[in-house]
Amino acid sequence: MNRKKWTGTLACCLLMFIPFPAGLCAEVCNRVVAIVNEDVITLYELNHKIKQVTGLAPEELRSQDETAFLDARRKILDFLIDDKIAQKKIDELGIKVSPAEIDDAIEKMKRNNNLTHENLLARLESQGISYETLRENLKDELERMQLINFEVKSKIIVREEAMKAYYDEHREQYITYETLHLAAIVLPVGNPSDKQERQRIESQIADIHRRLSAGEDFGELARRFSRGPGAKDGGDLGLFKTSQLNKALLEAVEGMQPGQISQPIETASGFQIIKLLDRRPGETKAYEDVKDAIYSELYREEINRRYMEWVKRLRDQAYTKIIF
């Protein structure tokens, strides 16, 4: 073993045996699971990444499926090893990504996907991803692009025919389904098995419906009486694809025009009245409208392909040791 590799191994051994305070060792050091040149990866880092990628703590994932856990752990550890190798090169080259560059990347993402900032946050929440994690991932991606520009001399070219072929193969991605903008007045029943309470709430929702039919303002009545989502905003629930609505709601809004209200709808938990604020028909986006997004996607795929090839070559030259 050459001197550099021996030094890295010695550092690892020292880390494993120096008597750190118990709390610090558990949270920061834990134990070494891999050596990458002169650097190490700890169990703490690995477990943190497993939870970030899978959404589950390692022990939860393991209890659900031992084989899936072991497979995920090995793949994520390989990713961390590659990341250590790449990060060292990024530091050597002095590559820096500013917050403004990350902001620009987020704005581009929103433009390409026709998203408002609120839409983006909602999509991230549905996928279990925080906004901070998105920024971290974009920072890594932008660093990777700069790294490839340094290391790979040939310019990346995305050809028009490749973009059109991608559009044809993924046409379903560019279909926008009918979207409904809904508001609701919701009156839950505290104890669904209490018939008297249920009759009282049913009478109350019927009275509200009569007042709406007589011309009273939906938003004002929602702010006064609704105990459901969006009550403070006049019952505004936001936008929904028809595929997101349950059968009862679909039947209630079928044939309604913007501005109209439904009859009171009985649910297992109470009663509600729906108002259709807007109806947006579905359509297939034209190629010209999505070509910029397709270009970004194919460019990103090529960056990732070249990056993985480059990291593999670098990893073949590096000293790595996995310790389980």
C-alpha atoms as a PDB file:
ATOM      1  CA  MET A   1       0.000   0.000   0.000  1.00  0.00           C
ATOM      2  CA  ASN A   2       1.462   3.399  -0.908  1.00  0.00           C
ATOM      3  CA  ARG A   3       1.984   6.106   1.704  1.00  0.00           C
ATOM      4  CA  LYS A   4      -1.179   8.093   0.779  1.00  0.00           C
ATOM      5  CA  LYS A   5      -3.447   5.042   1.036  1.00  0.00           C
ATOM      6  CA  TRP A   6      -1.768   3.908   4.266  1.00  0.00           C
ATOM      7  CA  THR A   7      -2.291   7.353   5.786  1.00  0.00           C
ATOM      8  CA  GLY A   8      -5.979   7.285   4.895  1.00  0.00           C
ATOM      9  CA  THR A   9      -6.394   3.840   6.462  1.00  0.00           C
ATOM     10  CA  LEU A  10      -4.560   4.941   9.613  1.00  0.00           C
ATOM     11  CA  ALA A  11      -6.812   7.993   9.909  1.00  0.00           C
ATOM     12  CA  CYS A  12      -9.831   5.723   9.645  1.00  0.00           C
ATOM     13  CA  CYS A  13      -8.523   3.416  12.366  1.00  0.00           C
ATOM     14  CA  LEU A  14      -7.827   6.351  14.673  1.00  0.00           C
ATOM     15  CA  LEU A  15     -11.364   7.638  14.137  1.00  0.00           C
ATOM     16  CA  MET A  16     -12.708   4.250  15.140  1.00  0.00           C
ATOM     17  CA  PHE A  17     -10.785   4.044  18.431  1.00  0.00           C
ATOM     18  CA  ILE A  18     -10.374   7.610  19.793  1.00  0.00           C
ATOM     19  CA  PRO A  19     -12.701   7.906  22.848  1.00  0.00           C
ATOM     20  CA  PHE A  20     -15.155  10.642  21.756  1.00  0.00           C
ATOM     21  CA  PRO A  21     -17.855  11.772  24.195  1.00  0.00           C
ATOM     22  CA  ALA A  22     -20.820   9.422  23.834  1.00  0.00           C
ATOM     23  CA  GLY A  23     -23.324  11.947  22.429  1.00  0.00           C
ATOM     24  CA  LEU A  24     -20.866  13.395  19.931  1.00  0.00           C
ATOM     25  CA  CYS A  25     -19.811   9.964  18.702  1.00  0.00           C
ATOM     26  CA  ALA A  26     -23.403   8.820  18.224  1.00  0.00           C
ATOM     27  CA  GLU A  27     -24.415  11.922  16.296  1.00  0.00           C
ATOM     28  CA  VAL A  28     -21.280  12.759  14.286  1.00  0.00           C
ATOM     29  CA  CYS A  29     -18.717   9.974  14.258  1.00  0.00           C
ATOM     30  CA  ASN A  30     -20.670   6.775  14.871  1.00  0.00           C
ATOM     31  CA  ARG A  31     -18.577   4.276  12.941  1.00  0.00           C
ATOM     32  CA  VAL A  32     -16.842   4.269   9.599  1.00  0.00           C
ATOM     33  CA  VAL A  33     -18.591   2.322   6.836  1.00  0.00           C
ATOM     34  CA  ALA A  34     -16.311   3.252   3.915  1.00  0.00           C
ATOM     35  CA  ILE A  35     -12.908   4.746   3.184  1.00  0.00           C
ATOM     36  CA  VAL A  36     -12.507   6.910   0.078  1.00  0.00           C
ATOM     37  CA  ASN A  37      -8.858   7.876  -0.444  1.00  0.00           C
ATOM     38  CA  GLU A  38      -8.090  10.019   2.654  1.00  0.00           C
ATOM     39  CA  ASP A  39     -11.764  10.554   3.478  1.00  0.00           C
ATOM     40  CA  VAL A  40     -14.331   8.429   5.307  1.00  0.00           C
ATOM     41  CA  ILE A  41     -18.084   7.889   5.200  1.00  0.00           C
ATOM     42  CA  THR A  42     -19.776   7.307   8.543  1.00  0.00           C
ATOM     43  CA  LEU A  43     -22.833   5.274   9.412  1.00  0.00           C
ATOM     44  CA  TYR A  44     -24.501   8.542  10.400  1.00  0.00           C
ATOM     45  CA  GLU A  45     -24.020   9.933   6.876  1.00  0.00           C
ATOM     46  CA  LEU A  46     -25.271   6.718   5.312  1.00  0.00           C
ATOM     47  CA  ASN A  47     -28.381   6.505   7.496  1.00  0.00           C
ATOM     48  CA  HIS A  48     -29.178  10.171   6.891  1.00  0.00           C
ATOM     49  CA  LYS A  49     -28.963   9.668   3.125  1.00  0.00           C
ATOM     50  CA  ILE A  50     -31.096   6.498   3.272  1.00  0.00           C
ATOM     51  CA  LYS A  51     -33.867   8.428   5.025  1.00  0.00           C
ATOM     52  CA  GLN A  52     -33.525  11.343   2.585  1.00  0.00           C
ATOM     53  CA  VAL A  53     -33.785   9.076  -0.465  1.00  0.00           C
ATOM     54  CA  THR A  54     -36.406   6.565   0.726  1.00  0.00           C
ATOM     55  CA  GLY A  55     -38.365   8.691   3.185  1.00  0.00           C
ATOM     56  CA  LEU A  56     -37.921   5.982   5.822  1.00  0.00           C
ATOM     57  CA  ALA A  57     -35.473   5.558   8.676  1.00  0.00           C
ATOM     58  CA  PRO A  58     -33.127   2.598   8.025  1.00  0.00           C
ATOM     59  CA  GLU A  59     -34.692   0.518  10.799  1.00  0.00           C
ATOM     60  CA  GLU A  60     -38.183   1.115   9.361  1.00  0.00           C
ATOM     61  CA  LEU A  61     -37.041   0.149   5.866  1.00  0.00           C
ATOM     62  CA  ARG A  62     -35.311  -2.956   7.211  1.00  0.00           C
ATOM     63  CA  SER A  63     -38.374  -4.062   9.179  1.00  0.00           C
ATOM     64  CA  GLN A  64     -40.522  -3.814   6.035  1.00  0.00           C
ATOM     65  CA  ASP A  65     -38.206  -5.668   3.642  1.00  0.00           C
ATOM     66  CA  GLU A  66     -34.715  -6.894   4.549  1.00  0.00           C
ATOM     67  CA  THR A  67     -33.701  -7.544   0.928  1.00  0.00           C
ATOM     68  CA  ALA A  68     -34.893  -4.135  -0.257  1.00  0.00           C
ATOM     69  CA  PHE A  69     -33.075  -2.492   2.645  1.00  0.00           C
ATOM     70  CA  LEU A  70     -29.756  -4.186   1.864  1.00  0.00           C
ATOM     71  CA  ASP A  71     -30.070  -3.342  -1.829  1.00  0.00           C
ATOM     72  CA  ALA A  72     -30.932   0.310  -1.112  1.00  0.00           C
ATOM     73  CA  ARG A  73     -28.124   0.603   1.453  1.00  0.00           C
ATOM     74  CA  ARG A  74     -25.503  -0.654  -1.001  1.00  0.00           C
ATOM     75  CA  LYS A  75     -26.706   1.593  -3.837  1.00  0.00           C
ATOM     76  CA  ILE A  76     -26.831   4.654  -1.595  1.00  0.00           C
ATOM     77  CA  LEU A  77     -23.380   3.893  -0.204  1.00  0.00           C
ATOM     78  CA  ASP A  78     -22.050   3.620  -3.771  1.00  0.00           C
ATOM     79  CA  PHE A  79     -23.637   7.011  -4.468  1.00  0.00           C
ATOM     80  CA  LEU A  80     -21.949   8.538  -1.399  1.00  0.00           C
ATOM     81  CA  ILE A  81     -18.577   7.116  -2.480  1.00  0.00           C
ATOM     82  CA  ASP A  82     -18.971   8.583  -5.964  1.00  0.00           C
ATOM     83  CA  ASP A  83     -20.079  11.872  -4.417  1.00  0.00           C
ATOM     84  CA  LYS A  84     -16.965  12.027  -2.207  1.00  0.00           C
ATOM     85  CA  ILE A  85     -14.773  11.447  -5.249  1.00  0.00           C
ATOM     86  CA  ALA A  86     -16.568  14.082  -7.308  1.00  0.00           C
ATOM     87  CA  GLN A  87     -16.693  16.599  -4.461  1.00  0.00           C
ATOM     88  CA  LYS A  88     -12.938  16.416  -4.023  1.00  0.00           C
ATOM     89  CA  LYS A  89     -12.500  17.267  -7.711  1.00  0.00           C
ATOM     90  CA  ILE A  90     -15.060  20.078  -7.427  1.00  0.00           C
ATOM     91  CA  ASP A  91     -13.093  21.538  -4.507  1.00  0.00           C
ATOM     92  CA  GLU A  92      -9.805  21.174  -6.390  1.00  0.00           C
ATOM     93  CA  LEU A  93     -11.220  23.054  -9.395  1.00  0.00           C
ATOM     94  CA  GLY A  94     -12.738  25.751  -7.197  1.00  0.00           C
ATOM     95  CA  ILE A  95     -16.230  25.221  -8.615  1.00  0.00           C
ATOM     96  CA  LYS A  96     -18.812  27.344  -6.801  1.00  0.00           C
ATOM     97  CA  VAL A  97     -22.559  27.643  -7.329  1.00  0.00           C
ATOM     98  CA  SER A  98     -24.147  30.821  -5.969  1.00  0.00           C
ATOM     99  CA  PRO A  99     -27.642  31.114  -4.440  1.00  0.00           C
ATOM    100  CA  ALA A 100     -28.581  33.344  -7.412  1.00  0.00           C
ATOM    101  CA  GLU A 101     -27.707  30.514  -9.843  1.00  0.00           C
ATOM    102  CA  ILE A 102     -29.918  28.138  -7.862  1.00  0.00           C
ATOM    103  CA  ASP A 103     -32.727  30.723  -7.942  1.00  0.00           C
ATOM    104  CA  ASP A 104     -32.347  30.971 -11.742  1.00  0.00           C
ATOM    105  CA  ALA A 105     -32.511  27.174 -12.062  1.00  0.00           C
ATOM    106  CA  ILE A 106     -35.720  27.081  -9.999  1.00  0.00           C
ATOM    107  CA  GLU A 107     -37.291  29.818 -12.124  1.00  0.00           C
ATOM    108  CA  LYS A 108     -36.363  27.901 -15.275  1.00  0.00           C
ATOM    109  CA  MET A 109     -37.899  24.742 -13.817  1.00  0.00           C
ATOM    110  CA  LYS A 110     -41.135  26.619 -13.094  1.00  0.00           C
ATOM    111  CA  ARG A 111     -41.258  28.098 -16.603  1.00  0.00           C
ATOM    112  CA  ASN A 112     -40.634  24.746 -18.275  1.00  0.00           C
ATOM    113  CA  ASN A 113     -43.406  23.103 -16.271  1.00  0.00           C
ATOM    114  CA  ASN A 114     -45.859  26.032 -16.179  1.00  0.00           C
ATOM    115  CA  LEU A 115     -45.728  26.135 -12.385  1.00  0.00           C
ATOM    116  CA  THR A 116     -46.332  28.975  -9.989  1.00  0.00           C
ATOM    117  CA  HIS A 117     -44.206  28.991  -6.839  1.00  0.00           C
ATOM    118  CA  GLU A 118     -47.218  27.690  -4.894  1.00  0.00           C
ATOM    119  CA  ASN A 119     -47.717  24.874  -7.442  1.00  0.00           C
ATOM    120  CA  LEU A 120     -44.052  23.920  -7.088  1.00  0.00           C
ATOM    121  CA  LEU A 121     -44.250  23.797  -3.297  1.00  0.00           C
ATOM    122  CA  ALA A 122     -47.424  21.680  -3.487  1.00  0.00           C
ATOM    123  CA  ARG A 123     -45.775  19.246  -5.907  1.00  0.00           C
ATOM    124  CA  LEU A 124     -42.714  18.953  -3.669  1.00  0.00           C
ATOM    125  CA  GLU A 125     -44.917  18.319  -0.633  1.00  0.00           C
ATOM    126  CA  SER A 126     -46.812  15.578  -2.473  1.00  0.00           C
ATOM    127  CA  GLN A 127     -43.471  13.907  -3.226  1.00  0.00           C
ATOM    128  CA  GLY A 128     -42.175  14.302   0.331  1.00  0.00           C
ATOM    129  CA  ILE A 129     -39.390  16.679  -0.728  1.00  0.00           C
ATOM    130  CA  SER A 130     -38.625  19.911   1.127  1.00  0.00           C
ATOM    131  CA  TYR A 131     -37.799  23.144  -0.683  1.00  0.00           C
ATOM    132  CA  GLU A 132     -34.361  23.115   0.984  1.00  0.00           C
ATOM    133  CA  THR A 133     -33.700  19.617  -0.385  1.00  0.00           C
ATOM    134  CA  LEU A 134     -34.665  20.813  -3.872  1.00  0.00           C
ATOM    135  CA  ARG A 135     -32.131  23.645  -3.595  1.00  0.00           C
ATOM    136  CA  GLU A 136     -29.438  21.217  -2.414  1.00  0.00           C
ATOM    137  CA  ASN A 137     -30.170  18.855  -5.315  1.00  0.00           C
ATOM    138  CA  LEU A 138     -30.038  21.707  -7.837  1.00  0.00           C
ATOM    139  CA  LYS A 139     -26.743  22.908  -6.364  1.00  0.00           C
ATOM    140  CA  ASP A 140     -25.303  19.405  -6.834  1.00  0.00           C
ATOM    141  CA  GLU A 141     -26.636  19.269 -10.393  1.00  0.00           C
ATOM    142  CA  LEU A 142     -25.189  22.671 -11.317  1.00  0.00           C
ATOM    143  CA  GLU A 143     -21.819  21.692  -9.830  1.00  0.00           C
ATOM    144  CA  ARG A 144     -21.961  18.488 -11.859  1.00  0.00           C
ATOM    145  CA  MET A 145     -22.609  20.451 -15.056  1.00  0.00           C
ATOM    146  CA  GLN A 146     -19.639  22.715 -14.410  1.00  0.00           C
ATOM    147  CA  LEU A 147     -17.493  19.714 -13.557  1.00  0.00           C
ATOM    148  CA  ILE A 148     -18.381  18.001 -16.829  1.00  0.00           C
ATOM    149  CA  ASN A 149     -17.587  21.219 -18.702  1.00  0.00           C
ATOM    150  CA  PHE A 150     -14.118  21.111 -17.130  1.00  0.00           C
ATOM    151  CA  GLU A 151     -13.500  17.409 -17.607  1.00  0.00           C
ATOM    152  CA  VAL A 152     -15.268  16.607 -20.875  1.00  0.00           C
ATOM    153  CA  LYS A 153     -14.046  18.731 -23.727  1.00  0.00           C
ATOM    154  CA  SER A 154     -16.604  17.763 -26.373  1.00  0.00           C
ATOM    155  CA  LYS A 155     -19.637  20.042 -26.393  1.00  0.00           C
ATOM    156  CA  ILE A 156     -23.025  18.514 -25.617  1.00  0.00           C
ATOM    157  CA  ILE A 157     -25.381  18.845 -28.563  1.00  0.00           C
ATOM    158  CA  VAL A 158     -29.079  17.983 -28.313  1.00  0.00           C
ATOM    159  CA  ARG A 159     -30.418  17.506 -31.832  1.00  0.00           C
ATOM    160  CA  GLU A 160     -33.878  18.526 -32.999  1.00  0.00           C
ATOM    161  CA  GLU A 161     -34.725  15.030 -34.212  1.00  0.00           C
ATOM    162  CA  ALA A 162     -33.911  13.596 -30.775  1.00  0.00           C
ATOM    163  CA  MET A 163     -36.198  16.166 -29.159  1.00  0.00           C
ATOM    164  CA  LYS A 164     -39.074  15.365 -31.514  1.00  0.00           C
ATOM    165  CA  ALA A 165     -38.597  11.640 -30.959  1.00  0.00           C
ATOM    166  CA  TYR A 166     -38.724  12.205 -27.187  1.00  0.00           C
ATOM    167  CA  TYR A 167     -41.951  14.211 -27.595  1.00  0.00           C
ATOM    168  CA  ASP A 168     -43.566  11.417 -29.628  1.00  0.00           C
ATOM    169  CA  GLU A 169     -42.489   8.727 -27.147  1.00  0.00           C
ATOM    170  CA  HIS A 170     -43.641  10.705 -24.087  1.00  0.00           C
ATOM    171  CA  ARG A 171     -46.698  12.437 -25.506  1.00  0.00           C
ATOM    172  CA  GLU A 172     -48.814  11.422 -22.498  1.00  0.00           C
ATOM    173  CA  GLN A 173     -46.635  13.685 -20.336  1.00  0.00           C
ATOM    174  CA  TYR A 174     -47.827  16.703 -22.279  1.00  0.00           C
ATOM    175  CA  ILE A 175     -51.548  16.088 -21.896  1.00  0.00           C
ATOM    176  CA  THR A 176     -53.167  18.536 -19.491  1.00  0.00           C
ATOM    177  CA  TYR A 177     -56.354  17.024 -18.093  1.00  0.00           C
ATOM    178  CA  GLU A 178     -59.491  18.959 -17.266  1.00  0.00           C
ATOM    179  CA  THR A 179     -58.913  21.041 -14.151  1.00  0.00           C
ATOM    180  CA  LEU A 180     -61.543  22.337 -11.742  1.00  0.00           C
ATOM    181  CA  HIS A 181     -61.160  25.264  -9.355  1.00  0.00           C
ATOM    182  CA  LEU A 182     -63.349  24.475  -6.363  1.00  0.00           C
ATOM    183  CA  ALA A 183     -64.531  26.067  -3.149  1.00  0.00           C
ATOM    184  CA  ALA A 184     -66.427  24.357  -0.343  1.00  0.00           C
ATOM    185  CA  ILE A 185     -68.444  24.938   2.786  1.00  0.00           C
ATOM    186  CA  VAL A 186     -67.780  21.972   5.045  1.00  0.00           C
ATOM    187  CA  LEU A 187     -69.689  21.104   8.197  1.00  0.00           C
ATOM    188  CA  PRO A 188     -68.220  18.025   9.902  1.00  0.00           C
ATOM    189  CA  VAL A 189     -70.178  15.874  12.321  1.00  0.00           C
ATOM    190  CA  GLY A 190     -68.219  15.452  15.551  1.00  0.00           C
ATOM    191  CA  ASN A 191     -69.767  12.065  16.354  1.00  0.00           C
ATOM    192  CA  PRO A 192     -71.058  10.371  13.153  1.00  0.00           C
ATOM    193  CA  SER A 193     -72.918   7.757  15.226  1.00  0.00           C
ATOM    194  CA  ASP A 194     -74.916  10.472  17.026  1.00  0.00           C
ATOM    195  CA  LYS A 195     -78.119  10.694  14.937  1.00  0.00           C
ATOM    196  CA  GLN A 196     -79.339  13.875  16.622  1.00  0.00           C
ATOM    197  CA  GLU A 197     -76.088  15.719  15.942  1.00  0.00           C
ATOM    198  CA  ARG A 198     -76.090  14.506  12.346  1.00  0.00           C
ATOM    199  CA  GLN A 199     -79.684  15.754  11.858  1.00  0.00           C
ATOM    200  CA  ARG A 200     -78.725  19.129  13.372  1.00  0.00           C
ATOM    201  CA  ILE A 201     -75.745  19.531  10.972  1.00  0.00           C
ATOM    202  CA  GLU A 202     -77.916  18.376   8.046  1.00  0.00           C
ATOM    203  CA  SER A 203     -80.488  21.046   8.916  1.00  0.00           C
ATOM    204  CA  GLN A 204     -77.737  23.675   9.172  1.00  0.00           C
ATOM    205  CA  ILE A 205     -76.236  22.822   5.756  1.00  0.00           C
ATOM    206  CA  ALA A 206     -79.729  22.912   4.217  1.00  0.00           C
ATOM    207  CA  ASP A 207     -80.275  26.388   5.661  1.00  0.00           C
ATOM    208  CA  ILE A 208     -76.913  27.578   4.257  1.00  0.00           C
ATOM    209  CA  HIS A 209     -77.869  26.174   0.851  1.00  0.00           C
ATOM    210  CA  ARG A 210     -81.176  28.119   0.941  1.00  0.00           C
ATOM    211  CA  ARG A 211     -79.282  31.322   1.767  1.00  0.00           C
ATOM    212  CA  LEU A 212     -76.861  30.719  -1.120  1.00  0.00           C
ATOM    213  CA  SER A 213     -79.767  30.065  -3.490  1.00  0.00           C
ATOM    214  CA  ALA A 214     -81.296  33.379  -2.336  1.00  0.00           C
ATOM    215  CA  GLY A 215     -78.145  35.187  -3.435  1.00  0.00           C
ATOM    216  CA  GLU A 216     -75.950  35.454  -0.325  1.00  0.00           C
ATOM    217  CA  ASP A 217     -72.193  35.453  -0.936  1.00  0.00           C
ATOM    218  CA  PHE A 218     -70.547  31.999  -0.888  1.00  0.00           C
ATOM    219  CA  GLY A 219     -67.198  33.287   0.358  1.00  0.00           C
ATOM    220  CA  GLU A 220     -68.751  35.192   3.238  1.00  0.00           C
ATOM    221  CA  LEU A 221     -70.853  32.213   4.376  1.00  0.00           C
ATOM    222  CA  ALA A 222     -67.801  29.939   4.060  1.00  0.00           C
ATOM    223  CA  ARG A 223     -65.764  32.231   6.292  1.00  0.00           C
ATOM    224  CA  ARG A 224     -68.589  32.293   8.856  1.00  0.00           C
ATOM    225  CA  PHE A 225     -69.701  28.678   8.923  1.00  0.00           C
ATOM    226  CA  SER A 226     -67.228  26.336   7.194  1.00  0.00           C
ATOM    227  CA  ARG A 227     -64.987  24.200   9.352  1.00  0.00           C
ATOM    228  CA  GLY A 228     -63.061  22.681   6.488  1.00  0.00           C
ATOM    229  CA  PRO A 229     -59.932  23.552   4.478  1.00  0.00           C
ATOM    230  CA  GLY A 230     -59.756  27.028   2.949  1.00  0.00           C
ATOM    231  CA  ALA A 231     -62.455  28.437   5.251  1.00  0.00           C
ATOM    232  CA  LYS A 232     -60.469  31.641   5.921  1.00  0.00           C
ATOM    233  CA  ASP A 233     -60.135  32.111   2.142  1.00  0.00           C
ATOM    234  CA  GLY A 234     -63.861  31.885   1.491  1.00  0.00           C
ATOM    235  CA  GLY A 235     -63.740  28.088   1.165  1.00  0.00           C
ATOM    236  CA  ASP A 236     -61.223  28.165  -1.735  1.00  0.00           C
ATOM    237  CA  LEU A 237     -59.777  24.660  -2.164  1.00  0.00           C
ATOM    238  CA  GLY A 238     -57.596  25.395  -5.198  1.00  0.00           C
ATOM    239  CA  LEU A 239     -57.212  23.448  -8.439  1.00  0.00           C
ATOM    240  CA  PHE A 240     -57.978  19.752  -8.921  1.00  0.00           C
ATOM    241  CA  LYS A 241     -57.670  17.400 -11.849  1.00  0.00           C
ATOM    242  CA  THR A 242     -60.892  15.460 -12.324  1.00  0.00           C
ATOM    243  CA  SER A 243     -58.870  12.278 -11.689  1.00  0.00           C
ATOM    244  CA  GLN A 244     -58.161  13.530  -8.144  1.00  0.00           C
ATOM    245  CA  LEU A 245     -61.825  13.789  -7.148  1.00  0.00           C
ATOM    246  CA  ASN A 246     -63.796  11.008  -5.508  1.00  0.00           C
ATOM    247  CA  LYS A 247     -66.966   9.677  -7.082  1.00  0.00           C
ATOM    248  CA  ALA A 248     -69.327  11.789  -4.964  1.00  0.00           C
ATOM    249  CA  LEU A 249     -67.563  15.036  -5.852  1.00  0.00           C
ATOM    250  CA  LEU A 250     -67.359  14.118  -9.540  1.00  0.00           C
ATOM    251  CA  GLU A 251     -71.077  13.473  -9.644  1.00  0.00           C
ATOM    252  CA  ALA A 252     -71.756  16.715  -7.775  1.00  0.00           C
ATOM    253  CA  VAL A 253     -69.812  18.951 -10.176  1.00  0.00           C
ATOM    254  CA  GLU A 254     -70.731  17.101 -13.381  1.00  0.00           C
ATOM    255  CA  GLY A 255     -72.565  19.494 -15.686  1.00  0.00           C
ATOM    256  CA  MET A 256     -72.007  22.490 -13.401  1.00  0.00           C
ATOM    257  CA  GLN A 257     -70.907  25.816 -14.863  1.00  0.00           C
ATOM    258  CA  PRO A 258     -68.515  28.244 -13.147  1.00  0.00           C
ATOM    259  CA  GLY A 259     -70.360  30.147 -10.420  1.00  0.00           C
ATOM    260  CA  GLN A 260     -72.853  27.383  -9.698  1.00  0.00           C
ATOM    261  CA  ILE A 261     -73.173  25.497  -6.407  1.00  0.00           C
ATOM    262  CA  SER A 262     -73.961  21.870  -5.699  1.00  0.00           C
ATOM    263  CA  GLN A 263     -76.723  20.412  -3.586  1.00  0.00           C
ATOM    264  CA  PRO A 264     -75.567  19.504  -0.050  1.00  0.00           C
ATOM    265  CA  ILE A 265     -73.338  16.417  -0.243  1.00  0.00           C
ATOM    266  CA  GLU A 266     -73.427  13.910   2.599  1.00  0.00           C
ATOM    267  CA  THR A 267     -70.146  12.195   3.490  1.00  0.00           C
ATOM    268  CA  ALA A 268     -69.103   9.787   6.214  1.00  0.00           C
ATOM    269  CA  SER A 269     -67.703  12.684   8.258  1.00  0.00           C
ATOM    270  CA  GLY A 270     -70.343  15.361   7.619  1.00  0.00           C
ATOM    271  CA  PHE A 271     -71.842  17.568   4.924  1.00  0.00           C
ATOM    272  CA  GLN A 272     -70.495  19.976   2.318  1.00  0.00           C
ATOM    273  CA  ILE A 273     -71.573  22.304  -0.475  1.00  0.00           C
ATOM    274  CA  ILE A 274     -69.258  22.706  -3.474  1.00  0.00           C
ATOM    275  CA  LYS A 275     -68.958  25.800  -5.652  1.00  0.00           C
ATOM    276  CA  LEU A 276     -67.334  25.534  -9.086  1.00  0.00           C
ATOM    277  CA  LEU A 277     -65.177  28.640  -9.487  1.00  0.00           C
ATOM    278  CA  ASP A 278     -63.629  27.721 -12.835  1.00  0.00           C
ATOM    279  CA  ARG A 279     -63.390  24.819 -15.280  1.00  0.00           C
ATOM    280  CA  ARG A 280     -60.302  24.496 -17.495  1.00  0.00           C
ATOM    281  CA  PRO A 281     -60.533  21.996 -20.364  1.00  0.00           C
ATOM    282  CA  GLY A 282     -57.736  19.522 -21.013  1.00  0.00           C
ATOM    283  CA  GLU A 283     -55.485  19.662 -24.060  1.00  0.00           C
ATOM    284  CA  THR A 284     -52.296  18.220 -25.537  1.00  0.00           C
ATOM    285  CA  LYS A 285     -49.447  20.711 -25.492  1.00  0.00           C
ATOM    286  CA  ALA A 286     -47.863  21.334 -28.878  1.00  0.00           C
ATOM    287  CA  TYR A 287     -44.236  20.388 -29.462  1.00  0.00           C
ATOM    288  CA  GLU A 288     -43.227  24.053 -29.835  1.00  0.00           C
ATOM    289  CA  ASP A 289     -44.667  24.810 -26.398  1.00  0.00           C
ATOM    290  CA  VAL A 290     -42.604  22.138 -24.631  1.00  0.00           C
ATOM    291  CA  LYS A 291     -39.410  21.932 -26.696  1.00  0.00           C
ATOM    292  CA  ASP A 292     -37.429  24.002 -24.161  1.00  0.00           C
ATOM    293  CA  ALA A 293     -38.423  21.605 -21.380  1.00  0.00           C
ATOM    294  CA  ILE A 294     -37.512  18.619 -23.573  1.00  0.00           C
ATOM    295  CA  TYR A 295     -34.134  20.177 -24.368  1.00  0.00           C
ATOM    296  CA  SER A 296     -33.430  20.621 -20.638  1.00  0.00           C
ATOM    297  CA  GLU A 297     -34.426  17.028 -19.927  1.00  0.00           C
ATOM    298  CA  LEU A 298     -32.242  15.527 -22.686  1.00  0.00           C
ATOM    299  CA  TYR A 299     -29.347  17.826 -21.789  1.00  0.00           C
ATOM    300  CA  ARG A 300     -29.620  16.704 -18.155  1.00  0.00           C
ATOM    301  CA  GLU A 301     -29.681  13.043 -19.207  1.00  0.00           C
ATOM    302  CA  GLU A 302     -26.510  13.502 -21.274  1.00  0.00           C
ATOM    303  CA  ILE A 303     -24.794  15.365 -18.428  1.00  0.00           C
ATOM    304  CA  ASN A 304     -25.659  12.514 -16.057  1.00  0.00           C
ATOM    305  CA  ARG A 305     -24.461   9.871 -18.529  1.00  0.00           C
ATOM    306  CA  ARG A 306     -21.105  11.589 -19.008  1.00  0.00           C
ATOM    307  CA  TYR A 307     -20.832  12.265 -15.293  1.00  0.00           C
ATOM    308  CA  MET A 308     -21.329   8.593 -14.407  1.00  0.00           C
ATOM    309  CA  GLU A 309     -18.726   7.531 -16.983  1.00  0.00           C
ATOM    310  CA  TRP A 310     -16.273  10.097 -15.635  1.00  0.00           C
ATOM    311  CA  VAL A 311     -16.856   9.105 -11.986  1.00  0.00           C
ATOM    312  CA  LYS A 312     -16.402   5.428 -12.877  1.00  0.00           C
ATOM    313  CA  ARG A 313     -12.998   6.174 -14.410  1.00  0.00           C
ATOM    314  CA  LEU A 314     -12.019   8.225 -11.366  1.00  0.00           C
ATOM    315  CA  ARG A 315     -13.275   5.553  -8.972  1.00  0.00           C
ATOM    316  CA  ASP A 316     -11.159   2.915 -10.718  1.00  0.00           C
ATOM    317  CA  GLN A 317      -8.130   5.041  -9.837  1.00  0.00           C
ATOM    318  CA  ALA A 318      -9.215   5.770  -6.245  1.00  0.00           C
ATOM    319  CA  TYR A 319      -8.657   3.775  -3.091  1.00  0.00           C
ATOM    320  CA  THR A 320     -12.012   2.675  -1.674  1.00  0.00           C
ATOM    321  CA  LYS A 321     -12.868   0.172   1.022  1.00  0.00           C
ATOM    322  CA  ILE A 322     -16.334  -0.713   2.285  1.00  0.00           C
ATOM    323  CA  ILE A 323     -16.594  -1.756   5.955  1.00  0.00           C
ATOM    324  CA  PHE A 324     -19.776  -3.392   7.220  1.00  0.00           C
END
